[in-house]
Amino acid sequence: MAPAIEVRSLSRSFSGRGETLALDNVDLTVEEGELFGLLGPNGAGKTTLIKILSTLLLPSSGTARVLGHDVDADAKLIRKRINMVSGGEISGYGLLTIRENLWMFTQFYGVPGKVANERIDSLLETFGLQDKADAKLRTVSTGQRQKMNIIRGFATDPELIFLDEPTLGLDVTTSIAIRNYLRRWVREREGRTMMLTTHYMLEADELCDRVAIIDRGRIVAVDTPAGLKRRAGSGSSFLIETTPFDPEPIRSLPGVRGLTARPAEGHMSVRLALDDESVIADVISSIVSSGAKVIGLSKNEPTLEDAFMHLVGRGLE
């Protein structure tokens, strides 16, 4: 069985003010039937890689094969068998209804009329959009528009689908409904494959069979979520609640592998990946020296976010 995606020595550079290397000698294999995650900070190369795999961009060097076909030589053969959905995108025509937009997209792929209608009706019901089927797209909410985008991606019944931040900015209920459907789609359809990029670590941990972490254009690790968490298990993970302060000096402390700081109302949550527990004393001292107060401190079992920080040295933000 050929892999769904096979990338070898793939590089892509962009000219501008100097030359920017977006992908640097990437090797990656995604097996048929996998729900595969791609994690990386902003600017790491995720979008460039997906654009190449979906035939929207050519590599500068190396090769990429999708569903057995070369992205350069066989782009037309690939396009009819894949689909792509990006979170937050403006897709469709506001003057058309949701149903009319979905019908139009299925016809671009040559889906027979009866089959297209059956799929559209089923997916509208799955995502709770049947009451909005005949509403003009311009009149519906952001969440409803994103649900339509998800339906658009699956209404063509692709063999491989690329989902780039599909739940970005959506409410919890909608996000859960989408994740449940993604999980079922891969499990219930033999031979179907999905590549997912997300900023939500819990989403990647719950959904993905394997995850690739990309940073500065290079793949730094590929493993199951559990395997990646085991890599972080040799160190220690702490969550510190503090009053607001500048966390950057902590990054340079010996033994600090990674740090993610999230400001909230009147306080900050700082997640730390450390070489060992003893380093926490230096971290606390640095926080207090900055004039901030430590409100709470807890040690945690390694998470996928901890594994990411151990490998990359910073969070996704």
Protein backbone atom coordinates (compact mmCIF):
# COMPACT_ATOMS: atom_id res chain seq x y z
CA MET A 1 0.00 0.00 0.00
CA ALA A 2 1.53 3.32 -1.09
CA PRO A 3 1.64 6.14 1.49
CA ALA A 4 -0.97 8.87 1.15
CA ILE A 5 1.82 11.46 1.36
CA GLU A 6 5.51 10.93 0.74
CA VAL A 7 7.92 13.87 0.95
CA ARG A 8 11.65 13.57 0.36
CA SER A 9 14.34 16.27 0.72
CA LEU A 10 11.69 18.93 0.13
CA SER A 11 12.74 22.58 0.24
CA ARG A 12 10.99 25.78 -0.68
CA SER A 13 12.50 29.26 -0.69
CA PHE A 14 10.99 32.66 -1.43
CA SER A 15 12.75 35.62 -2.95
CA GLY A 16 12.21 39.13 -1.68
CA ARG A 17 14.52 41.10 0.50
CA GLY A 18 17.04 38.34 0.48
CA GLU A 19 16.08 34.69 0.25
CA THR A 20 13.78 33.11 2.82
CA LEU A 21 13.91 29.35 3.31
CA ALA A 22 10.41 28.30 4.33
CA LEU A 23 11.03 24.53 4.11
CA ASP A 24 14.45 23.01 4.63
CA ASN A 25 15.11 19.45 3.44
CA VAL A 26 11.85 18.00 4.80
CA ASP A 27 11.22 14.23 4.88
CA LEU A 28 7.75 13.06 5.84
CA THR A 29 5.51 10.05 5.28
CA VAL A 30 1.79 9.90 6.05
CA GLU A 31 0.21 6.47 5.72
CA GLU A 32 -3.15 5.86 4.12
CA GLY A 33 -5.91 5.96 6.75
CA GLU A 34 -4.04 8.17 9.22
CA LEU A 35 -5.37 11.22 10.98
CA PHE A 36 -2.07 13.08 10.93
CA GLY A 37 -1.30 16.28 12.82
CA LEU A 38 1.11 19.05 11.88
CA LEU A 39 2.14 21.38 14.71
CA GLY A 40 4.44 24.36 14.59
CA PRO A 41 4.75 28.02 15.62
CA ASN A 42 3.64 30.76 13.27
CA GLY A 43 6.08 30.96 10.36
CA ALA A 44 7.37 27.42 10.91
CA GLY A 45 6.45 26.25 7.39
CA LYS A 46 3.11 24.50 7.95
CA THR A 47 1.14 26.51 5.42
CA THR A 48 3.89 26.29 2.82
CA LEU A 49 4.00 22.50 3.18
CA ILE A 50 0.22 22.18 2.86
CA LYS A 51 0.18 24.44 -0.20
CA ILE A 52 2.77 22.22 -1.87
CA LEU A 53 0.92 19.02 -0.98
CA SER A 54 -2.37 20.45 -2.25
CA THR A 55 -0.68 21.51 -5.54
CA LEU A 56 -1.06 25.25 -4.91
CA LEU A 57 2.71 25.79 -4.75
CA LEU A 58 5.68 24.05 -6.33
CA PRO A 59 8.75 22.96 -4.34
CA SER A 60 12.12 24.60 -4.99
CA SER A 61 13.80 21.20 -4.71
CA GLY A 62 13.05 17.67 -3.59
CA THR A 63 9.91 15.66 -4.27
CA ALA A 64 6.39 15.35 -2.90
CA ARG A 65 3.98 12.58 -3.87
CA VAL A 66 0.31 12.67 -2.91
CA LEU A 67 -1.87 9.58 -3.39
CA GLY A 68 0.90 8.12 -5.51
CA HIS A 69 1.26 11.14 -7.82
CA ASP A 70 3.97 13.78 -8.10
CA VAL A 71 2.70 17.25 -7.13
CA ASP A 72 4.56 18.82 -10.06
CA ALA A 73 3.87 16.39 -12.89
CA ASP A 74 0.43 15.10 -11.86
CA ALA A 75 -1.30 18.07 -10.21
CA LYS A 76 -4.61 17.58 -12.05
CA LEU A 77 -4.82 13.93 -11.00
CA ILE A 78 -4.26 14.91 -7.36
CA ARG A 79 -6.74 17.79 -7.26
CA LYS A 80 -9.78 15.69 -8.14
CA ARG A 81 -9.03 13.34 -5.21
CA ILE A 82 -8.31 15.85 -2.41
CA ASN A 83 -9.91 18.82 -0.71
CA MET A 84 -8.81 21.54 1.71
CA VAL A 85 -10.52 23.66 4.36
CA SER A 86 -8.94 26.55 6.27
CA GLY A 87 -10.34 27.99 9.50
CA GLY A 88 -11.51 31.59 9.29
CA GLU A 89 -11.49 31.64 5.49
CA ILE A 90 -14.16 33.44 3.48
CA SER A 91 -15.43 30.73 1.17
CA GLY A 92 -18.49 30.83 -1.04
CA TYR A 93 -20.75 33.57 -2.37
CA GLY A 94 -22.84 35.70 -0.04
CA LEU A 95 -25.71 36.08 -2.51
CA LEU A 96 -26.17 32.31 -2.70
CA THR A 97 -27.76 30.19 -0.01
CA ILE A 98 -25.77 27.65 1.96
CA ARG A 99 -27.29 24.81 -0.06
CA GLU A 100 -26.58 26.59 -3.37
CA ASN A 101 -22.95 27.16 -2.37
CA LEU A 102 -22.49 23.52 -1.42
CA TRP A 103 -24.13 22.33 -4.64
CA MET A 104 -21.83 24.57 -6.67
CA PHE A 105 -18.70 23.18 -5.00
CA THR A 106 -19.78 19.56 -5.55
CA GLN A 107 -20.31 20.30 -9.24
CA PHE A 108 -16.77 21.63 -9.56
CA TYR A 109 -15.72 18.07 -8.64
CA GLY A 110 -18.22 16.42 -10.97
CA VAL A 111 -20.27 14.76 -8.21
CA PRO A 112 -23.51 13.34 -9.71
CA GLY A 113 -26.57 15.41 -8.79
CA LYS A 114 -28.42 12.78 -6.74
CA VAL A 115 -25.28 11.82 -4.82
CA ALA A 116 -24.44 15.48 -4.19
CA ASN A 117 -27.90 16.22 -2.77
CA GLU A 118 -27.81 13.17 -0.51
CA ARG A 119 -24.38 14.11 0.86
CA ILE A 120 -25.35 17.75 1.36
CA ASP A 121 -28.55 16.83 3.23
CA SER A 122 -26.71 14.35 5.43
CA LEU A 123 -23.91 16.76 6.29
CA LEU A 124 -26.27 19.67 6.94
CA GLU A 125 -28.07 17.47 9.47
CA THR A 126 -24.80 16.24 11.02
CA PHE A 127 -23.64 19.80 11.64
CA GLY A 128 -27.04 21.17 12.65
CA LEU A 129 -27.33 23.49 9.64
CA GLN A 130 -30.49 22.10 8.06
CA ASP A 131 -32.51 25.08 9.37
CA LYS A 132 -30.10 27.46 7.62
CA ALA A 133 -29.82 25.55 4.34
CA ASP A 134 -31.86 28.12 2.43
CA ALA A 135 -30.41 31.19 4.15
CA LYS A 136 -28.15 33.50 2.17
CA LEU A 137 -24.55 32.90 3.20
CA ARG A 138 -24.02 36.59 3.97
CA THR A 139 -26.74 36.45 6.66
CA VAL A 140 -25.37 33.62 8.81
CA SER A 141 -22.96 33.75 11.74
CA THR A 142 -19.23 33.10 11.63
CA GLY A 143 -19.69 29.69 13.24
CA GLN A 144 -22.38 28.70 10.73
CA ARG A 145 -20.20 29.86 7.84
CA GLN A 146 -17.33 27.74 9.14
CA LYS A 147 -19.63 24.74 9.45
CA MET A 148 -20.52 25.24 5.79
CA ASN A 149 -16.80 25.34 4.94
CA ILE A 150 -16.29 22.03 6.72
CA ILE A 151 -19.26 20.52 4.85
CA ARG A 152 -17.85 21.86 1.57
CA GLY A 153 -14.62 19.96 2.22
CA PHE A 154 -16.34 16.64 2.88
CA ALA A 155 -19.21 16.86 0.38
CA THR A 156 -16.85 15.78 -2.42
CA ASP A 157 -15.87 12.66 -0.42
CA PRO A 158 -12.10 13.23 -0.85
CA GLU A 159 -9.55 10.48 -0.36
CA LEU A 160 -7.30 12.99 1.40
CA ILE A 161 -8.34 16.21 3.09
CA PHE A 162 -6.19 19.02 4.46
CA LEU A 163 -7.68 20.91 7.41
CA ASP A 164 -5.82 24.08 8.40
CA GLU A 165 -7.05 25.31 11.81
CA PRO A 166 -10.64 24.10 11.18
CA THR A 167 -11.95 25.15 14.63
CA LEU A 168 -10.16 28.51 14.79
CA GLY A 169 -12.28 31.06 16.65
CA LEU A 170 -15.28 28.77 17.06
CA ASP A 171 -17.27 28.24 20.25
CA VAL A 172 -16.70 25.14 22.34
CA THR A 173 -19.92 23.36 21.28
CA THR A 174 -19.21 23.82 17.57
CA SER A 175 -15.58 22.78 17.99
CA ILE A 176 -16.58 19.57 19.76
CA ALA A 177 -19.11 18.74 17.03
CA ILE A 178 -16.46 19.23 14.34
CA ARG A 179 -13.84 17.14 16.19
CA ASN A 180 -16.34 14.31 16.67
CA TYR A 181 -17.10 14.28 12.96
CA LEU A 182 -13.42 14.36 11.96
CA ARG A 183 -12.73 11.35 14.16
CA ARG A 184 -15.65 9.39 12.72
CA TRP A 185 -14.83 10.29 9.12
CA VAL A 186 -11.37 8.73 9.24
CA ARG A 187 -12.41 5.69 11.26
CA GLU A 188 -15.54 4.83 9.24
CA ARG A 189 -14.16 5.37 5.73
CA GLU A 190 -11.49 2.88 4.82
CA GLY A 191 -8.52 4.41 3.04
CA ARG A 192 -9.43 8.03 3.84
CA THR A 193 -6.62 10.22 5.18
CA MET A 194 -6.55 13.58 6.94
CA MET A 195 -3.79 16.11 7.62
CA LEU A 196 -4.70 18.55 10.38
CA THR A 197 -2.94 21.69 11.54
CA THR A 198 -4.12 23.24 14.78
CA HIS A 199 -3.06 25.63 17.53
CA TYR A 200 -5.09 23.65 20.05
CA MET A 201 -2.85 21.02 21.63
CA LEU A 202 -5.81 19.19 23.16
CA GLU A 203 -7.33 18.88 19.69
CA ALA A 204 -4.15 17.31 18.30
CA ASP A 205 -3.80 15.04 21.33
CA GLU A 206 -7.40 13.80 21.09
CA LEU A 207 -7.60 13.33 17.33
CA CYS A 208 -4.25 12.48 15.80
CA ASP A 209 -2.72 9.05 15.25
CA ARG A 210 0.67 10.71 14.77
CA VAL A 211 1.97 14.25 14.96
CA ALA A 212 4.85 15.98 13.18
CA ILE A 213 6.38 19.02 14.85
CA ILE A 214 7.86 21.54 12.42
CA ASP A 215 10.04 24.50 13.36
CA ARG A 216 11.98 26.91 11.16
CA GLY A 217 11.18 24.84 8.10
CA ARG A 218 12.44 21.52 9.50
CA ILE A 219 10.63 18.50 10.92
CA VAL A 220 12.03 18.10 14.44
CA ALA A 221 9.97 15.08 15.53
CA VAL A 222 7.30 12.65 14.30
CA ASP A 223 5.58 10.35 16.76
CA THR A 224 2.27 9.45 18.36
CA PRO A 225 0.99 12.01 20.91
CA ALA A 226 1.83 9.52 23.67
CA GLY A 227 5.33 9.02 22.26
CA LEU A 228 5.95 12.75 22.13
CA LYS A 229 4.78 13.14 25.72
CA ARG A 230 7.19 10.41 26.81
CA ARG A 231 10.02 12.48 25.35
CA ALA A 232 9.07 15.27 27.73
CA GLY A 233 8.81 12.86 30.64
CA SER A 234 12.52 13.00 31.43
CA GLY A 235 12.08 16.59 32.64
CA SER A 236 9.53 18.38 34.78
CA SER A 237 6.47 20.43 33.91
CA PHE A 238 5.11 23.21 36.11
CA LEU A 239 2.22 25.65 35.88
CA ILE A 240 2.71 28.94 37.76
CA GLU A 241 0.01 31.56 38.32
CA THR A 242 1.50 35.03 38.93
CA THR A 243 0.70 38.70 38.85
CA PRO A 244 1.72 40.28 35.51
CA PHE A 245 5.45 40.44 34.72
CA ASP A 246 7.86 40.07 31.79
CA PRO A 247 8.62 36.32 31.52
CA GLU A 248 11.35 36.63 28.89
CA PRO A 249 14.34 36.62 31.35
CA ILE A 250 13.21 33.20 32.59
CA ARG A 251 13.87 31.67 29.15
CA SER A 252 17.62 32.19 29.58
CA LEU A 253 17.84 30.50 32.99
CA PRO A 254 19.88 27.26 32.96
CA GLY A 255 17.60 24.22 32.90
CA VAL A 256 14.59 25.97 31.34
CA ARG A 257 13.74 24.05 28.16
CA GLY A 258 10.61 25.93 27.19
CA LEU A 259 8.10 28.50 28.38
CA THR A 260 4.62 29.60 27.40
CA ALA A 261 3.04 32.63 29.09
CA ARG A 262 -0.64 33.51 28.74
CA PRO A 263 -1.93 36.76 30.26
CA ALA A 264 -5.40 36.74 31.77
CA GLU A 265 -7.49 39.14 33.85
CA GLY A 266 -5.06 40.58 36.39
CA HIS A 267 -2.68 37.61 36.34
CA MET A 268 -0.55 35.35 34.13
CA SER A 269 -0.36 31.62 33.59
CA VAL A 270 3.18 30.44 32.90
CA ARG A 271 3.78 26.85 31.75
CA LEU A 272 7.37 25.67 32.07
CA ALA A 273 9.29 22.68 30.76
CA LEU A 274 12.36 22.16 32.98
CA ASP A 275 15.33 19.78 32.98
CA ASP A 276 14.51 18.80 36.56
CA GLU A 277 12.54 19.99 39.59
CA SER A 278 15.43 21.87 41.19
CA VAL A 279 15.27 24.54 38.47
CA ILE A 280 11.91 25.77 39.82
CA ALA A 281 13.71 27.52 42.71
CA ASP A 282 15.61 29.76 40.27
CA VAL A 283 12.40 30.43 38.34
CA ILE A 284 10.53 31.51 41.48
CA SER A 285 13.45 33.72 42.52
CA SER A 286 13.44 35.42 39.11
CA ILE A 287 9.70 36.07 39.28
CA VAL A 288 9.90 37.56 42.77
CA SER A 289 12.93 39.69 41.81
CA SER A 290 10.87 41.20 38.98
CA GLY A 291 8.36 42.47 41.55
CA ALA A 292 5.64 39.96 40.71
CA LYS A 293 3.88 37.67 43.14
CA VAL A 294 3.44 33.92 42.82
CA ILE A 295 -0.25 33.11 43.28
CA GLY A 296 -0.15 29.38 42.61
CA LEU A 297 2.26 26.59 41.67
CA SER A 298 1.51 23.07 40.49
CA LYS A 299 3.48 20.23 38.95
CA ASN A 300 1.83 18.48 36.02
CA GLU A 301 2.16 15.27 34.09
CA PRO A 302 3.75 15.94 30.69
CA THR A 303 1.28 17.13 28.05
CA LEU A 304 1.63 17.48 24.30
CA GLU A 305 2.28 21.18 24.90
CA ASP A 306 5.17 20.25 27.22
CA ALA A 307 6.58 17.93 24.57
CA PHE A 308 6.32 20.74 22.03
CA MET A 309 8.17 23.14 24.33
CA HIS A 310 10.88 20.56 25.05
CA LEU A 311 11.49 20.14 21.33
CA VAL A 312 11.01 23.71 20.10
CA GLY A 313 11.79 25.79 23.18
CA ARG A 314 8.59 27.84 23.02
CA GLY A 315 4.85 27.45 22.66
CA LEU A 316 2.74 27.70 19.53
CA GLU A 317 1.90 31.37 20.08
